[in-house]
N, C-alpha and C. Protein backbone atom coordinates (compact mmCIF):
# COMPACT_ATOMS: atom_id res chain seq x y z
N MET A 1 34.23 37.98 105.11
CA MET A 1 34.90 39.16 104.24
C MET A 1 35.93 38.57 103.22
N LYS A 2 36.19 39.19 102.51
CA LYS A 2 36.96 39.01 101.42
C LYS A 2 38.42 39.84 101.31
N ARG A 3 39.55 38.95 101.02
CA ARG A 3 41.22 40.09 101.21
C ARG A 3 41.67 39.75 99.07
N VAL A 4 41.96 40.81 99.00
CA VAL A 4 42.23 41.06 98.02
C VAL A 4 44.07 41.56 98.01
N SER A 5 44.66 40.64 97.72
CA SER A 5 46.31 40.63 97.69
C SER A 5 46.79 41.69 96.80
N CYS A 6 47.94 42.06 97.13
CA CYS A 6 48.34 42.89 96.02
C CYS A 6 49.26 42.58 94.72
N LYS A 7 48.61 41.27 94.92
CA LYS A 7 49.41 40.61 93.83
C LYS A 7 48.53 40.62 92.56
N PHE A 8 47.35 41.31 92.81
CA PHE A 8 46.17 41.47 91.81
C PHE A 8 46.78 43.32 91.67
N VAL A 9 47.46 43.60 90.94
CA VAL A 9 47.72 44.88 90.81
C VAL A 9 47.71 45.58 89.25
N SER A 10 47.00 46.38 88.99
CA SER A 10 46.88 47.01 87.70
C SER A 10 47.46 48.74 88.06
N TYR A 11 47.87 49.21 86.53
CA TYR A 11 48.29 50.47 86.42
C TYR A 11 47.46 51.56 85.78
N VAL A 12 46.15 50.88 85.73
CA VAL A 12 45.12 51.66 84.93
C VAL A 12 43.69 51.54 85.66
N PHE A 13 42.78 52.53 85.88
CA PHE A 13 41.32 51.84 85.94
C PHE A 13 40.80 51.73 84.42
N SER A 14 40.54 50.11 84.34
CA SER A 14 39.61 50.05 83.41
C SER A 14 38.89 49.01 83.66
N ARG A 15 37.49 48.90 82.63
CA ARG A 15 36.66 47.86 82.60
C ARG A 15 37.59 46.17 82.06
N GLU A 16 38.85 46.74 81.11
CA GLU A 16 39.39 45.78 80.66
C GLU A 16 40.11 44.67 81.55
N VAL A 17 40.20 45.24 82.94
CA VAL A 17 40.78 44.48 84.09
C VAL A 17 39.99 43.47 84.61
N GLU A 18 40.84 42.61 84.59
CA GLU A 18 39.67 40.92 85.12
C GLU A 18 39.38 41.38 86.46
N PRO A 19 38.27 41.03 87.58
CA PRO A 19 38.05 41.61 88.74
C PRO A 19 39.31 40.46 89.17
N ALA A 20 39.72 41.34 90.79
CA ALA A 20 40.32 40.00 91.64
C ALA A 20 39.63 39.40 92.36
N THR A 21 38.27 39.65 92.51
CA THR A 21 37.36 39.04 93.29
C THR A 21 35.69 39.66 93.03
N THR A 22 34.73 38.58 93.48
CA THR A 22 33.55 38.98 93.42
C THR A 22 32.84 39.17 94.63
N VAL A 23 32.36 40.50 95.37
CA VAL A 23 31.64 40.10 96.37
C VAL A 23 30.19 40.97 96.14
N LYS A 24 29.41 40.53 97.52
CA LYS A 24 27.83 40.93 97.02
C LYS A 24 27.82 42.43 97.98
N PRO A 25 26.81 43.31 97.89
CA PRO A 25 26.61 44.32 98.22
C PRO A 25 26.75 44.46 99.83
N GLY A 26 27.29 45.24 100.44
CA GLY A 26 27.50 45.33 101.69
C GLY A 26 28.30 44.37 102.43
N GLU A 27 29.23 43.54 101.57
CA GLU A 27 30.14 42.87 101.75
C GLU A 27 31.58 43.47 102.14
N THR A 28 32.39 43.47 103.40
CA THR A 28 33.65 43.94 103.65
C THR A 28 34.34 43.48 102.59
N VAL A 29 35.63 44.00 101.97
CA VAL A 29 36.94 43.72 101.52
C VAL A 29 38.20 44.37 101.94
N VAL A 30 39.26 43.63 102.09
CA VAL A 30 40.39 44.29 102.71
C VAL A 30 41.31 43.81 101.35
N PHE A 31 41.84 45.50 101.22
CA PHE A 31 42.79 45.23 100.23
C PHE A 31 44.27 45.43 101.08
N GLU A 32 45.69 44.44 99.89
CA GLU A 32 46.57 45.21 100.40
C GLU A 32 47.13 45.73 99.31
N THR A 33 47.62 46.74 99.44
CA THR A 33 48.10 47.59 98.44
C THR A 33 49.76 47.95 98.67
N LEU A 34 50.47 48.68 97.51
CA LEU A 34 51.78 48.95 97.40
C LEU A 34 52.01 50.23 97.47
N ASP A 35 53.20 50.32 97.88
CA ASP A 35 53.51 52.28 97.43
C ASP A 35 53.67 52.53 96.22
N ALA A 36 53.47 53.54 95.70
CA ALA A 36 53.76 54.27 94.37
C ALA A 36 54.71 53.98 93.63
N ARG A 37 55.80 53.14 94.07
CA ARG A 37 56.52 52.25 93.20
C ARG A 37 56.66 50.92 93.02
N GLY A 38 55.81 50.70 93.82
CA GLY A 38 55.29 49.08 93.39
C GLY A 38 56.32 48.49 94.06
N ALA A 39 56.64 48.70 95.54
CA ALA A 39 57.67 48.29 96.56
C ALA A 39 58.58 47.99 95.77
N ARG A 40 59.13 49.02 95.35
CA ARG A 40 60.42 48.80 94.60
C ARG A 40 61.54 49.82 95.33
N SER A 41 61.11 50.40 96.63
CA SER A 41 61.83 51.49 97.24
C SER A 41 61.46 51.15 98.61
N ILE A 42 62.21 50.33 99.27
CA ILE A 42 62.18 49.63 100.84
C ILE A 42 63.57 49.93 101.53
N PRO A 43 63.61 50.73 102.25
CA PRO A 43 64.57 51.16 103.25
C PRO A 43 65.35 50.16 103.75
N GLY A 44 66.45 50.01 103.56
CA GLY A 44 67.70 48.82 103.80
C GLY A 44 67.84 48.03 102.94
N ARG A 45 66.98 48.10 101.77
CA ARG A 45 67.31 47.06 100.59
C ARG A 45 67.50 47.81 99.65
N PRO A 46 68.41 47.05 98.31
CA PRO A 46 68.89 47.91 97.39
C PRO A 46 67.51 48.30 96.66
N TYR A 47 67.62 49.24 95.99
CA TYR A 47 66.83 49.96 94.76
C TYR A 47 66.52 48.88 93.61
N VAL A 48 65.42 48.76 93.28
CA VAL A 48 65.11 47.76 92.03
C VAL A 48 64.17 49.01 91.19
N PRO A 49 64.88 49.66 90.15
CA PRO A 49 64.00 50.41 89.25
C PRO A 49 62.68 49.81 88.84
N PRO A 50 61.65 50.13 88.43
CA PRO A 50 60.40 49.84 88.17
C PRO A 50 60.47 49.97 86.36
N PRO A 51 60.07 48.82 85.84
CA PRO A 51 60.05 48.67 84.49
C PRO A 51 59.61 49.54 84.06
N PRO A 52 59.86 50.05 82.56
CA PRO A 52 59.56 51.21 81.71
C PRO A 52 58.09 51.26 81.66
N ARG A 53 57.23 52.40 81.67
CA ARG A 53 56.05 52.22 81.48
C ARG A 53 55.75 53.66 81.18
N PRO A 54 54.61 54.30 80.59
CA PRO A 54 54.20 55.45 80.20
C PRO A 54 53.87 56.19 81.42
N PHE A 55 54.16 57.53 82.19
CA PHE A 55 53.50 58.16 83.38
C PHE A 55 52.47 57.89 83.67
N GLU A 56 51.27 57.78 82.83
CA GLU A 56 49.88 57.35 83.13
C GLU A 56 49.75 56.53 83.86
N ARG A 57 50.84 55.42 83.64
CA ARG A 57 50.62 53.99 84.07
C ARG A 57 51.80 53.82 85.42
N SER A 58 51.55 54.78 86.18
CA SER A 58 52.77 54.83 87.24
C SER A 58 51.98 54.26 88.49
N ASN A 59 51.10 54.36 88.67
CA ASN A 59 51.09 54.32 89.94
C ASN A 59 49.95 52.63 90.39
N PRO A 60 50.62 51.80 91.05
CA PRO A 60 49.69 50.48 91.29
C PRO A 60 48.09 50.69 91.71
N VAL A 61 47.14 50.22 91.47
CA VAL A 61 46.20 50.23 92.28
C VAL A 61 45.72 48.63 92.37
N THR A 62 45.19 48.13 93.95
CA THR A 62 45.14 47.20 93.91
C THR A 62 43.48 46.24 93.53
N GLY A 63 43.08 45.53 92.62
CA GLY A 63 41.94 45.06 92.33
C GLY A 63 41.86 45.11 90.69
N PRO A 64 40.62 45.28 90.08
CA PRO A 64 39.77 45.62 90.48
C PRO A 64 38.52 44.45 91.24
N VAL A 65 37.32 45.00 91.80
CA VAL A 65 36.46 43.91 92.84
C VAL A 65 35.17 44.17 91.81
N TYR A 66 34.39 42.83 91.54
CA TYR A 66 33.43 43.42 90.53
C TYR A 66 32.33 43.23 91.73
N VAL A 67 31.18 43.77 91.50
CA VAL A 67 29.95 43.90 92.79
C VAL A 67 28.66 43.20 91.89
N GLU A 68 28.56 42.36 92.66
CA GLU A 68 27.35 41.42 91.99
C GLU A 68 26.18 42.82 92.09
N GLY A 69 25.58 42.37 90.72
CA GLY A 69 24.28 43.40 90.82
C GLY A 69 24.56 44.67 90.24
N ALA A 70 25.51 45.09 90.28
CA ALA A 70 26.22 46.30 89.86
C ALA A 70 26.36 46.53 88.10
N LYS A 71 25.57 47.30 87.79
CA LYS A 71 25.69 47.69 86.27
C LYS A 71 26.24 48.87 85.89
N PRO A 72 26.85 49.13 84.70
CA PRO A 72 27.56 50.54 84.22
C PRO A 72 26.39 51.64 84.34
N GLY A 73 27.03 52.45 84.88
CA GLY A 73 26.22 53.70 85.31
C GLY A 73 25.52 54.06 86.70
N ASP A 74 25.70 52.59 87.23
CA ASP A 74 25.18 52.80 88.64
C ASP A 74 26.19 53.37 89.67
N VAL A 75 25.66 54.12 90.37
CA VAL A 75 26.38 54.67 91.70
C VAL A 75 26.54 53.94 93.14
N LEU A 76 27.86 53.54 93.43
CA LEU A 76 28.29 52.69 94.32
C LEU A 76 28.68 53.40 95.46
N ALA A 77 28.19 53.19 96.79
CA ALA A 77 28.54 53.98 97.94
C ALA A 77 29.50 52.83 98.65
N VAL A 78 31.18 53.21 98.90
CA VAL A 78 31.96 52.88 99.80
C VAL A 78 32.38 53.33 100.73
N GLU A 79 32.14 52.40 102.18
CA GLU A 79 32.95 53.23 103.13
C GLU A 79 34.16 52.52 103.88
N VAL A 80 35.06 53.69 103.77
CA VAL A 80 36.44 52.93 104.31
C VAL A 80 36.40 52.82 105.78
N LYS A 81 36.62 51.78 106.71
CA LYS A 81 36.81 51.40 107.64
C LYS A 81 37.69 51.58 108.53
N SER A 82 38.86 51.57 107.84
CA SER A 82 40.37 51.90 108.54
C SER A 82 41.35 51.84 107.29
N ILE A 83 42.48 52.28 107.86
CA ILE A 83 43.31 52.71 106.63
C ILE A 83 44.86 52.24 107.59
N GLU A 84 45.94 51.13 107.63
CA GLU A 84 46.74 51.09 108.24
C GLU A 84 48.07 51.23 107.38
N THR A 85 48.58 52.11 107.80
CA THR A 85 49.74 52.37 107.04
C THR A 85 51.12 51.29 107.34
N GLY A 86 52.01 51.94 105.99
CA GLY A 86 53.17 51.20 106.48
C GLY A 86 53.92 52.00 107.53
N GLU A 87 55.70 51.33 107.66
CA GLU A 87 56.37 52.30 108.59
C GLU A 87 56.75 53.35 108.23
N TRP A 88 56.78 53.32 106.69
CA TRP A 88 57.72 54.92 106.04
C TRP A 88 56.66 54.93 104.79
N GLY A 89 57.32 56.27 104.31
CA GLY A 89 56.49 56.67 103.00
C GLY A 89 57.44 57.44 102.51
N TYR A 90 57.36 58.29 101.54
CA TYR A 90 58.08 59.22 100.46
C TYR A 90 57.11 59.67 99.59
N VAL A 91 57.43 61.06 99.13
CA VAL A 91 56.93 61.92 98.33
C VAL A 91 57.83 62.49 97.54
N SER A 92 57.59 62.02 96.32
CA SER A 92 58.05 62.72 94.99
C SER A 92 57.59 63.40 94.20
N ALA A 93 58.65 64.68 94.19
CA ALA A 93 58.37 66.55 94.03
C ALA A 93 59.08 66.24 92.31
N LYS A 94 58.50 66.44 91.20
CA LYS A 94 59.29 66.74 90.21
C LYS A 94 58.82 68.41 89.16
N PRO A 95 59.60 68.78 88.51
CA PRO A 95 58.99 70.31 88.02
C PRO A 95 58.25 69.83 87.22
N THR A 96 57.61 69.28 86.66
CA THR A 96 56.80 68.74 85.47
C THR A 96 55.54 67.95 85.87
N VAL A 97 55.55 67.82 86.97
CA VAL A 97 53.97 66.92 87.49
C VAL A 97 53.74 67.26 89.09
N GLY A 98 52.18 66.97 89.20
CA GLY A 98 51.92 67.40 90.29
C GLY A 98 51.68 68.86 90.31
N VAL A 99 51.40 68.88 91.86
CA VAL A 99 51.62 70.41 92.41
C VAL A 99 52.61 71.48 91.56
N LEU A 100 53.84 70.74 91.07
CA LEU A 100 55.12 71.76 90.52
C LEU A 100 54.62 71.88 89.23
N LYS A 101 53.53 71.37 88.77
CA LYS A 101 53.47 71.57 86.84
C LYS A 101 53.08 73.20 86.96
């Protein structure tokens, strides 16, 4: 089993991002993730504003992972075995984005 730390965060889905790890087909991977603000909004701690970036780069994603033998155009099946949530969460609602757009 491989573990991908939330230190391997990107704000885009792009082949230009270097893989955080390489796995074999069928191998289990555990991802540590950040909240949508990059762990900057933690109850009981002072708010740390995120660095300026375009809106399309606002949500951190952990990874990517290189799958041995996968080629461009291949379809890969992913099975999510479990999700463990944190102790709190939040929702941001703005009049110009998301369902309010």
